Amino acid sequence: MNHLIYRPRTWNAFANWDREMDRFFDDLRTREIDSVSPTCEVEETDDHYLISVDMPGVPKDQIKIEFQDQHLTISGERKVQTEKKESGRIYSERRNGKLHRVFQLPPGIQSERAEAHHEDGVIRVYLPKAQLAKTRELKISSSPETGFFGKWLGSAKNKKDGLHSTHSSPEVA
């Protein structure tokens, strides 16, 4: 004789979690994207920055590049045509929508000399840096006989002879 064994169904939090996550991502795939931040790459050299932004499917004349204050904004809109079939479904992960990226620029960018280039769905923006004064090492002198400190402190000879510079403090009697 066969016996029927009853096993009550137990609650499985992970199975519920997986189901909910699948449903969440399925919902995301069906929504139209309002605005997406496209991927980018930023390179820096001694004299410039080069920003590359992926804008696939956006024609060059539909891309807008703006400088305002210390910000560079690159934006465009991708419009993908989808066809509807009567007898079947089309699956697509490509989305319509706005592409928008804002970069905060460091001081010293010469925006009036910036250049942009579009090729193979990538916008490249060249941002030259301002020419700053070269760094120089300042030598420290131990004898203030010339220059500003020679006048301000008085030369060693004047101090030795008891003479005071016109810029030295008066003696208290």
N, C-alpha and C. Protein backbone atom coordinates (compact mmCIF):
# COMPACT_ATOMS: atom_id res chain seq x y z
N MET A 1 0.82 -1.15 0.00
CA MET A 1 0.00 0.00 0.00
C MET A 1 0.88 1.24 0.00
N ASN A 2 0.56 2.16 -0.89
CA ASN A 2 1.30 3.41 -0.98
C ASN A 2 0.68 4.44 -0.04
N HIS A 3 1.55 5.12 0.63
CA HIS A 3 1.08 6.16 1.53
C HIS A 3 1.36 7.52 0.91
N LEU A 4 0.43 8.39 0.99
CA LEU A 4 0.59 9.76 0.52
C LEU A 4 1.23 10.56 1.65
N ILE A 5 2.32 11.22 1.34
CA ILE A 5 3.00 12.02 2.35
C ILE A 5 2.68 13.48 2.09
N TYR A 6 2.17 14.13 3.08
CA TYR A 6 1.83 15.55 2.96
C TYR A 6 3.00 16.37 3.49
N ARG A 7 3.47 17.29 2.68
CA ARG A 7 4.52 18.22 3.12
C ARG A 7 3.97 19.63 2.92
N PRO A 8 3.80 20.33 4.03
CA PRO A 8 3.28 21.69 3.88
C PRO A 8 4.28 22.58 3.14
N ARG A 9 3.74 23.48 2.36
CA ARG A 9 4.58 24.40 1.60
C ARG A 9 5.16 25.44 2.55
N THR A 10 6.45 25.63 2.53
CA THR A 10 7.08 26.62 3.40
C THR A 10 7.33 27.90 2.60
N TRP A 11 7.37 28.97 3.31
CA TRP A 11 7.63 30.28 2.69
C TRP A 11 9.10 30.37 2.36
N ASN A 12 9.42 30.76 1.14
CA ASN A 12 10.81 30.88 0.70
C ASN A 12 11.04 32.33 0.31
N ALA A 13 11.75 33.04 1.17
CA ALA A 13 11.99 34.46 0.93
C ALA A 13 12.79 34.69 -0.34
N PHE A 14 13.73 33.80 -0.63
CA PHE A 14 14.57 34.01 -1.81
C PHE A 14 13.79 33.79 -3.10
N ALA A 15 12.91 32.85 -3.13
CA ALA A 15 12.08 32.63 -4.32
C ALA A 15 11.20 33.84 -4.57
N ASN A 16 10.62 34.39 -3.50
CA ASN A 16 9.80 35.60 -3.64
C ASN A 16 10.65 36.77 -4.11
N TRP A 17 11.84 36.90 -3.56
CA TRP A 17 12.76 37.98 -3.94
C TRP A 17 13.08 37.89 -5.43
N ASP A 18 13.44 36.68 -5.90
CA ASP A 18 13.75 36.49 -7.32
C ASP A 18 12.57 36.86 -8.21
N ARG A 19 11.39 36.45 -7.83
CA ARG A 19 10.19 36.77 -8.61
C ARG A 19 9.96 38.28 -8.67
N GLU A 20 10.12 38.93 -7.51
CA GLU A 20 9.90 40.38 -7.47
C GLU A 20 10.96 41.12 -8.29
N MET A 21 12.20 40.69 -8.21
CA MET A 21 13.27 41.34 -8.99
C MET A 21 13.03 41.14 -10.48
N ASP A 22 12.63 39.94 -10.89
CA ASP A 22 12.33 39.71 -12.31
C ASP A 22 11.21 40.63 -12.78
N ARG A 23 10.19 40.76 -11.97
CA ARG A 23 9.07 41.63 -12.34
C ARG A 23 9.51 43.09 -12.42
N PHE A 24 10.35 43.52 -11.48
CA PHE A 24 10.85 44.89 -11.47
C PHE A 24 11.62 45.20 -12.75
N PHE A 25 12.56 44.31 -13.12
CA PHE A 25 13.36 44.57 -14.32
C PHE A 25 12.54 44.41 -15.60
N ASP A 26 11.56 43.55 -15.61
CA ASP A 26 10.66 43.46 -16.77
C ASP A 26 9.90 44.77 -16.95
N ASP A 27 9.47 45.39 -15.84
CA ASP A 27 8.78 46.68 -15.91
C ASP A 27 9.71 47.75 -16.45
N LEU A 28 10.97 47.75 -16.03
CA LEU A 28 11.93 48.74 -16.52
C LEU A 28 12.14 48.61 -18.02
N ARG A 29 12.21 47.40 -18.52
CA ARG A 29 12.44 47.18 -19.94
C ARG A 29 11.29 47.68 -20.80
N THR A 30 10.09 47.67 -20.26
CA THR A 30 8.94 48.09 -21.07
C THR A 30 8.72 49.60 -21.04
N ARG A 31 9.30 50.31 -20.07
CA ARG A 31 9.14 51.75 -20.01
C ARG A 31 10.07 52.45 -20.99
N GLU A 32 9.64 53.59 -21.47
CA GLU A 32 10.49 54.40 -22.32
C GLU A 32 11.38 55.24 -21.41
N ILE A 33 12.61 55.33 -21.76
CA ILE A 33 13.57 56.06 -20.94
C ILE A 33 13.40 57.55 -21.18
N ASP A 34 13.26 58.32 -20.10
CA ASP A 34 13.09 59.76 -20.23
C ASP A 34 14.43 60.43 -20.55
N SER A 35 15.44 60.19 -19.73
CA SER A 35 16.75 60.78 -19.95
C SER A 35 17.81 59.84 -19.41
N VAL A 36 18.84 59.62 -20.22
CA VAL A 36 19.90 58.70 -19.86
C VAL A 36 21.22 59.45 -19.86
N SER A 37 22.09 59.11 -18.93
CA SER A 37 23.42 59.68 -18.89
C SER A 37 24.35 58.77 -19.69
N PRO A 38 24.80 59.20 -20.87
CA PRO A 38 25.62 58.33 -21.70
C PRO A 38 27.00 58.09 -21.08
N THR A 39 27.62 56.99 -21.45
CA THR A 39 28.94 56.68 -20.92
C THR A 39 29.97 57.63 -21.51
N CYS A 40 31.04 57.83 -20.74
CA CYS A 40 32.06 58.78 -21.19
C CYS A 40 33.44 58.34 -20.74
N GLU A 41 34.42 59.05 -21.25
CA GLU A 41 35.81 58.87 -20.87
C GLU A 41 36.45 60.26 -20.84
N VAL A 42 37.23 60.56 -19.80
CA VAL A 42 37.90 61.85 -19.70
C VAL A 42 39.39 61.60 -19.58
N GLU A 43 40.15 62.24 -20.47
CA GLU A 43 41.61 62.13 -20.45
C GLU A 43 42.18 63.50 -20.15
N GLU A 44 43.29 63.53 -19.41
CA GLU A 44 43.95 64.80 -19.09
C GLU A 44 45.42 64.71 -19.45
N THR A 45 45.93 65.76 -20.09
CA THR A 45 47.36 65.90 -20.36
C THR A 45 47.80 67.21 -19.71
N ASP A 46 49.04 67.57 -19.91
CA ASP A 46 49.54 68.82 -19.33
C ASP A 46 48.85 70.05 -19.90
N ASP A 47 48.41 69.97 -21.17
CA ASP A 47 47.85 71.17 -21.79
C ASP A 47 46.38 71.10 -22.21
N HIS A 48 45.71 69.94 -22.00
CA HIS A 48 44.30 69.87 -22.39
C HIS A 48 43.57 68.71 -21.71
N TYR A 49 42.24 68.75 -21.84
CA TYR A 49 41.36 67.63 -21.48
C TYR A 49 40.72 67.16 -22.77
N LEU A 50 40.44 65.85 -22.84
CA LEU A 50 39.72 65.29 -23.97
C LEU A 50 38.58 64.46 -23.40
N ILE A 51 37.35 64.88 -23.69
CA ILE A 51 36.16 64.19 -23.19
C ILE A 51 35.52 63.46 -24.36
N SER A 52 35.32 62.16 -24.21
CA SER A 52 34.65 61.34 -25.23
C SER A 52 33.35 60.84 -24.64
N VAL A 53 32.24 61.07 -25.36
CA VAL A 53 30.91 60.68 -24.89
C VAL A 53 30.25 59.81 -25.95
N ASP A 54 29.75 58.64 -25.54
CA ASP A 54 29.05 57.74 -26.46
C ASP A 54 27.65 58.27 -26.72
N MET A 55 27.34 58.54 -27.98
CA MET A 55 26.02 59.02 -28.40
C MET A 55 25.55 58.20 -29.60
N PRO A 56 25.44 56.87 -29.45
CA PRO A 56 25.06 56.04 -30.59
C PRO A 56 23.64 56.34 -31.05
N GLY A 57 23.48 56.39 -32.36
CA GLY A 57 22.16 56.60 -32.93
C GLY A 57 21.70 58.04 -32.94
N VAL A 58 22.55 58.97 -32.49
CA VAL A 58 22.19 60.39 -32.48
C VAL A 58 22.99 61.08 -33.59
N PRO A 59 22.30 61.63 -34.60
CA PRO A 59 23.02 62.32 -35.68
C PRO A 59 23.75 63.56 -35.16
N LYS A 60 24.85 63.88 -35.84
CA LYS A 60 25.69 65.02 -35.44
C LYS A 60 24.89 66.31 -35.29
N ASP A 61 23.94 66.56 -36.19
CA ASP A 61 23.18 67.81 -36.14
C ASP A 61 22.13 67.82 -35.03
N GLN A 62 21.94 66.71 -34.34
CA GLN A 62 20.99 66.65 -33.22
C GLN A 62 21.69 66.72 -31.85
N ILE A 63 23.02 66.89 -31.86
CA ILE A 63 23.79 66.94 -30.61
C ILE A 63 24.08 68.40 -30.27
N LYS A 64 23.84 68.76 -29.03
CA LYS A 64 24.04 70.13 -28.56
C LYS A 64 25.13 70.13 -27.49
N ILE A 65 26.11 71.03 -27.66
CA ILE A 65 27.21 71.18 -26.69
C ILE A 65 27.20 72.62 -26.22
N GLU A 66 27.11 72.80 -24.89
CA GLU A 66 27.02 74.15 -24.33
C GLU A 66 27.99 74.34 -23.16
N PHE A 67 28.54 75.55 -23.07
CA PHE A 67 29.34 75.96 -21.92
C PHE A 67 28.52 76.99 -21.15
N GLN A 68 28.43 76.80 -19.84
CA GLN A 68 27.78 77.80 -18.99
C GLN A 68 28.48 77.76 -17.64
N ASP A 69 28.97 78.91 -17.22
CA ASP A 69 29.76 79.02 -16.00
C ASP A 69 30.91 78.00 -16.09
N GLN A 70 31.03 77.13 -15.14
CA GLN A 70 32.10 76.12 -15.15
C GLN A 70 31.54 74.75 -15.53
N HIS A 71 30.51 74.71 -16.39
CA HIS A 71 29.88 73.46 -16.77
C HIS A 71 29.86 73.27 -18.28
N LEU A 72 30.09 72.04 -18.70
CA LEU A 72 29.97 71.64 -20.10
C LEU A 72 28.81 70.66 -20.17
N THR A 73 27.83 70.94 -21.01
CA THR A 73 26.66 70.07 -21.17
C THR A 73 26.64 69.51 -22.59
N ILE A 74 26.51 68.19 -22.69
CA ILE A 74 26.39 67.52 -23.97
C ILE A 74 25.05 66.79 -23.96
N SER A 75 24.20 67.07 -24.95
CA SER A 75 22.88 66.45 -24.96
C SER A 75 22.44 66.15 -26.40
N GLY A 76 21.50 65.24 -26.50
CA GLY A 76 20.93 64.86 -27.78
C GLY A 76 19.74 63.95 -27.54
N GLU A 77 19.05 63.59 -28.62
CA GLU A 77 17.91 62.71 -28.46
C GLU A 77 17.97 61.62 -29.52
N ARG A 78 17.82 60.39 -29.05
CA ARG A 78 17.83 59.23 -29.93
C ARG A 78 16.38 58.86 -30.22
N LYS A 79 16.07 58.77 -31.50
CA LYS A 79 14.72 58.39 -31.92
C LYS A 79 14.84 57.12 -32.74
N VAL A 80 14.44 56.01 -32.14
CA VAL A 80 14.51 54.72 -32.81
C VAL A 80 13.13 54.38 -33.35
N GLN A 81 13.06 54.09 -34.63
CA GLN A 81 11.80 53.70 -35.24
C GLN A 81 11.57 52.22 -34.99
N THR A 82 10.41 51.88 -34.46
CA THR A 82 10.08 50.47 -34.25
C THR A 82 8.90 50.12 -35.15
N GLU A 83 8.97 48.96 -35.73
CA GLU A 83 7.87 48.52 -36.57
C GLU A 83 7.01 47.55 -35.79
N LYS A 84 5.74 47.55 -36.06
CA LYS A 84 4.82 46.66 -35.37
C LYS A 84 4.39 45.58 -36.35
N LYS A 85 4.47 44.36 -35.88
CA LYS A 85 4.04 43.24 -36.71
C LYS A 85 2.75 42.69 -36.14
N GLU A 86 1.87 42.30 -37.04
CA GLU A 86 0.57 41.78 -36.63
C GLU A 86 0.69 40.40 -35.98
N SER A 87 1.52 39.54 -36.54
CA SER A 87 1.52 38.15 -36.10
C SER A 87 2.59 37.81 -35.06
N GLY A 88 3.49 38.69 -34.76
CA GLY A 88 4.55 38.33 -33.82
C GLY A 88 5.02 39.51 -33.00
N ARG A 89 5.85 39.20 -32.07
CA ARG A 89 6.42 40.24 -31.21
C ARG A 89 7.82 40.59 -31.66
N ILE A 90 8.19 41.82 -31.34
CA ILE A 90 9.56 42.27 -31.57
C ILE A 90 10.15 42.52 -30.20
N TYR A 91 11.35 42.02 -29.97
CA TYR A 91 12.04 42.27 -28.71
C TYR A 91 13.18 43.23 -29.01
N SER A 92 13.27 44.28 -28.24
CA SER A 92 14.32 45.27 -28.46
C SER A 92 14.75 45.84 -27.13
N GLU A 93 16.06 45.94 -26.93
CA GLU A 93 16.60 46.60 -25.74
C GLU A 93 17.02 48.03 -26.06
N ARG A 94 16.89 48.45 -27.30
CA ARG A 94 17.24 49.81 -27.70
C ARG A 94 16.10 50.73 -27.28
N ARG A 95 16.43 51.86 -26.76
CA ARG A 95 15.42 52.78 -26.24
C ARG A 95 15.50 54.14 -26.90
N ASN A 96 14.35 54.73 -27.03
CA ASN A 96 14.26 56.13 -27.45
C ASN A 96 14.51 56.98 -26.24
N GLY A 97 14.89 58.21 -26.45
CA GLY A 97 14.97 59.11 -25.32
C GLY A 97 16.12 60.09 -25.41
N LYS A 98 16.19 60.91 -24.40
CA LYS A 98 17.20 61.96 -24.34
C LYS A 98 18.48 61.43 -23.71
N LEU A 99 19.59 61.86 -24.27
CA LEU A 99 20.91 61.58 -23.71
C LEU A 99 21.44 62.92 -23.20
N HIS A 100 21.90 62.94 -21.96
CA HIS A 100 22.26 64.21 -21.33
C HIS A 100 23.40 63.97 -20.36
N ARG A 101 24.49 64.73 -20.49
CA ARG A 101 25.63 64.59 -19.59
C ARG A 101 26.19 65.96 -19.28
N VAL A 102 26.44 66.23 -17.99
CA VAL A 102 26.99 67.52 -17.56
C VAL A 102 28.32 67.27 -16.87
N PHE A 103 29.33 68.05 -17.23
CA PHE A 103 30.66 67.95 -16.64
C PHE A 103 30.98 69.27 -15.94
N GLN A 104 31.45 69.19 -14.71
CA GLN A 104 31.92 70.40 -14.03
C GLN A 104 33.39 70.57 -14.38
N LEU A 105 33.71 71.72 -14.95
CA LEU A 105 35.06 71.96 -15.44
C LEU A 105 35.91 72.64 -14.38
N PRO A 106 37.20 72.32 -14.35
CA PRO A 106 38.09 73.01 -13.42
C PRO A 106 38.38 74.42 -13.92
N PRO A 107 38.86 75.31 -13.06
CA PRO A 107 39.22 76.66 -13.54
C PRO A 107 40.37 76.57 -14.54
N GLY A 108 40.44 77.55 -15.42
CA GLY A 108 41.55 77.62 -16.36
C GLY A 108 41.29 76.93 -17.69
N ILE A 109 40.05 76.63 -18.02
CA ILE A 109 39.72 76.05 -19.32
C ILE A 109 39.45 77.19 -20.30
N GLN A 110 40.04 77.11 -21.47
CA GLN A 110 39.82 78.12 -22.51
C GLN A 110 38.67 77.64 -23.41
N SER A 111 37.44 77.91 -22.98
CA SER A 111 36.28 77.42 -23.73
C SER A 111 36.19 78.02 -25.13
N GLU A 112 36.72 79.21 -25.34
CA GLU A 112 36.66 79.83 -26.67
C GLU A 112 37.56 79.09 -27.68
N ARG A 113 38.50 78.28 -27.21
CA ARG A 113 39.36 77.50 -28.10
C ARG A 113 38.97 76.02 -28.15
N ALA A 114 37.86 75.65 -27.52
CA ALA A 114 37.42 74.26 -27.50
C ALA A 114 37.00 73.81 -28.90
N GLU A 115 37.14 72.50 -29.16
CA GLU A 115 36.74 71.92 -30.44
C GLU A 115 35.97 70.64 -30.17
N ALA A 116 35.06 70.28 -31.11
CA ALA A 116 34.28 69.05 -30.99
C ALA A 116 34.35 68.28 -32.30
N HIS A 117 34.32 66.95 -32.18
CA HIS A 117 34.39 66.06 -33.35
C HIS A 117 33.43 64.90 -33.12
N HIS A 118 32.71 64.50 -34.18
CA HIS A 118 31.74 63.39 -34.10
C HIS A 118 32.16 62.32 -35.10
N GLU A 119 32.32 61.09 -34.59
CA GLU A 119 32.66 59.98 -35.47
C GLU A 119 32.21 58.68 -34.84
N ASP A 120 31.54 57.84 -35.61
CA ASP A 120 31.09 56.51 -35.18
C ASP A 120 30.29 56.54 -33.88
N GLY A 121 29.42 57.54 -33.72
CA GLY A 121 28.57 57.61 -32.54
C GLY A 121 29.25 58.11 -31.28
N VAL A 122 30.44 58.67 -31.43
CA VAL A 122 31.17 59.19 -30.27
C VAL A 122 31.47 60.66 -30.50
N ILE A 123 31.12 61.49 -29.52
CA ILE A 123 31.47 62.92 -29.55
C ILE A 123 32.74 63.09 -28.74
N ARG A 124 33.71 63.78 -29.32
CA ARG A 124 34.95 64.08 -28.60
C ARG A 124 35.06 65.60 -28.49
N VAL A 125 35.30 66.06 -27.27
CA VAL A 125 35.43 67.50 -27.03
C VAL A 125 36.83 67.76 -26.49
N TYR A 126 37.56 68.62 -27.20
CA TYR A 126 38.91 69.02 -26.83
C TYR A 126 38.81 70.32 -26.04
N LEU A 127 39.33 70.33 -24.82
CA LEU A 127 39.28 71.51 -23.96
C LEU A 127 40.71 71.91 -23.57
N PRO A 128 41.25 72.97 -24.21
CA PRO A 128 42.62 73.38 -23.86
C PRO A 128 42.67 74.08 -22.50
N LYS A 129 43.75 73.86 -21.81
CA LYS A 129 43.98 74.53 -20.52
C LYS A 129 44.65 75.87 -20.78
N ALA A 130 44.42 76.82 -19.90
CA ALA A 130 45.08 78.12 -20.00
C ALA A 130 46.57 77.95 -19.69
N GLN A 131 47.38 78.75 -20.36
CA GLN A 131 48.81 78.71 -20.10
C GLN A 131 49.09 79.42 -18.79
N LEU A 132 49.51 78.68 -17.82
CA LEU A 132 49.81 79.26 -16.52
C LEU A 132 51.30 79.56 -16.43
N ALA A 133 51.64 80.49 -15.55
CA ALA A 133 53.04 80.82 -15.36
C ALA A 133 53.80 79.59 -14.88
N LYS A 134 55.00 79.42 -15.40
CA LYS A 134 55.79 78.26 -15.01
C LYS A 134 56.22 78.39 -13.55
N THR A 135 56.29 77.29 -12.89
CA THR A 135 56.74 77.26 -11.50
C THR A 135 58.25 77.47 -11.48
N ARG A 136 58.69 78.29 -10.58
CA ARG A 136 60.13 78.46 -10.44
C ARG A 136 60.49 78.33 -8.97
N GLU A 137 61.70 77.90 -8.75
CA GLU A 137 62.17 77.71 -7.38
C GLU A 137 62.76 79.02 -6.89
N LEU A 138 62.44 79.39 -5.67
CA LEU A 138 62.94 80.62 -5.06
C LEU A 138 64.09 80.27 -4.14
N LYS A 139 65.24 80.88 -4.39
CA LYS A 139 66.43 80.65 -3.56
C LYS A 139 66.34 81.51 -2.31
N ILE A 140 66.74 80.95 -1.20
CA ILE A 140 66.70 81.67 0.08
C ILE A 140 68.09 82.22 0.35
N SER A 141 68.16 83.53 0.56
CA SER A 141 69.42 84.19 0.81
C SER A 141 69.63 84.34 2.31
N SER A 142 70.87 84.20 2.74
CA SER A 142 71.16 84.39 4.17
C SER A 142 71.79 85.75 4.44
N SER A 143 72.14 86.49 3.40
CA SER A 143 72.72 87.83 3.61
C SER A 143 71.86 88.86 2.89
N PRO A 144 71.11 89.65 3.64
CA PRO A 144 70.21 90.64 3.03
C PRO A 144 70.92 91.94 2.67
N GLU A 145 71.90 91.87 1.75
CA GLU A 145 72.64 93.08 1.40
C GLU A 145 72.04 93.78 0.18
N THR A 146 71.26 93.09 -0.60
CA THR A 146 70.70 93.71 -1.79
C THR A 146 69.21 93.40 -1.86
N GLY A 147 68.54 94.05 -2.77
CA GLY A 147 67.14 93.78 -3.00
C GLY A 147 66.24 94.33 -1.90
N PHE A 148 65.02 93.82 -1.86
CA PHE A 148 64.01 94.30 -0.91
C PHE A 148 64.48 94.17 0.54
N PHE A 149 65.00 93.00 0.90
CA PHE A 149 65.39 92.78 2.30
C PHE A 149 66.62 93.59 2.68
N GLY A 150 67.48 93.89 1.71
CA GLY A 150 68.63 94.75 1.99
C GLY A 150 68.18 96.15 2.36
N LYS A 151 67.16 96.65 1.66
CA LYS A 151 66.62 97.98 1.97
C LYS A 151 65.80 97.95 3.25
N TRP A 152 65.03 96.93 3.42
CA TRP A 152 64.11 96.87 4.56
C TRP A 152 64.82 96.62 5.87
N LEU A 153 65.75 95.69 5.87
CA LEU A 153 66.46 95.35 7.10
C LEU A 153 67.74 96.16 7.26
N GLY A 154 68.21 96.75 6.22
CA GLY A 154 69.47 97.47 6.26
C GLY A 154 70.60 96.50 5.97
N SER A 155 71.64 96.97 5.37
CA SER A 155 72.74 96.08 5.01
C SER A 155 73.54 95.72 6.25
N ALA A 156 74.27 94.67 6.16
CA ALA A 156 75.09 94.21 7.29
C ALA A 156 76.12 95.28 7.65
N LYS A 157 76.61 96.02 6.66
CA LYS A 157 77.61 97.06 6.91
C LYS A 157 77.00 98.18 7.74
N ASN A 158 75.78 98.62 7.40
CA ASN A 158 75.13 99.69 8.15
C ASN A 158 74.88 99.27 9.59
N LYS A 159 74.49 98.05 9.80
CA LYS A 159 74.26 97.57 11.16
C LYS A 159 75.56 97.50 11.94
N LYS A 160 76.63 97.08 11.24
CA LYS A 160 77.94 96.96 11.91
C LYS A 160 78.45 98.32 12.32
N ASP A 161 78.25 99.34 11.49
CA ASP A 161 78.72 100.69 11.78
C ASP A 161 77.78 101.45 12.70
N GLY A 162 76.68 100.85 13.10
CA GLY A 162 75.73 101.54 13.98
C GLY A 162 74.76 102.42 13.23
N LEU A 163 74.76 102.39 11.91
CA LEU A 163 73.84 103.18 11.12
C LEU A 163 72.55 102.39 10.93
N HIS A 164 71.45 103.07 10.83
CA HIS A 164 70.16 102.40 10.67
C HIS A 164 69.54 102.78 9.34
N SER A 165 68.85 101.88 8.79
CA SER A 165 68.14 102.10 7.54
C SER A 165 66.95 103.01 7.83
N THR A 166 66.50 103.72 6.82
CA THR A 166 65.34 104.59 6.97
C THR A 166 64.08 103.79 7.25
N HIS A 167 64.08 102.50 6.96
CA HIS A 167 62.90 101.66 7.18
C HIS A 167 62.98 100.89 8.49
N SER A 168 64.05 101.05 9.24
CA SER A 168 64.14 100.30 10.50
C SER A 168 63.36 101.03 11.57
N SER A 169 63.01 100.33 12.61
CA SER A 169 62.22 100.95 13.67
C SER A 169 63.10 101.85 14.52
N PRO A 170 62.52 102.98 15.03
CA PRO A 170 63.33 103.90 15.84
C PRO A 170 63.69 103.28 17.21
N GLU A 171 64.82 103.70 17.68
CA GLU A 171 65.25 103.18 18.98
C GLU A 171 64.47 103.86 20.09
N VAL A 172 64.23 103.11 21.11
CA VAL A 172 63.49 103.67 22.25
C VAL A 172 64.52 104.21 23.24
N ALA A 173 64.35 105.48 23.70
CA ALA A 173 65.31 106.12 24.60
C ALA A 173 65.08 105.72 26.03
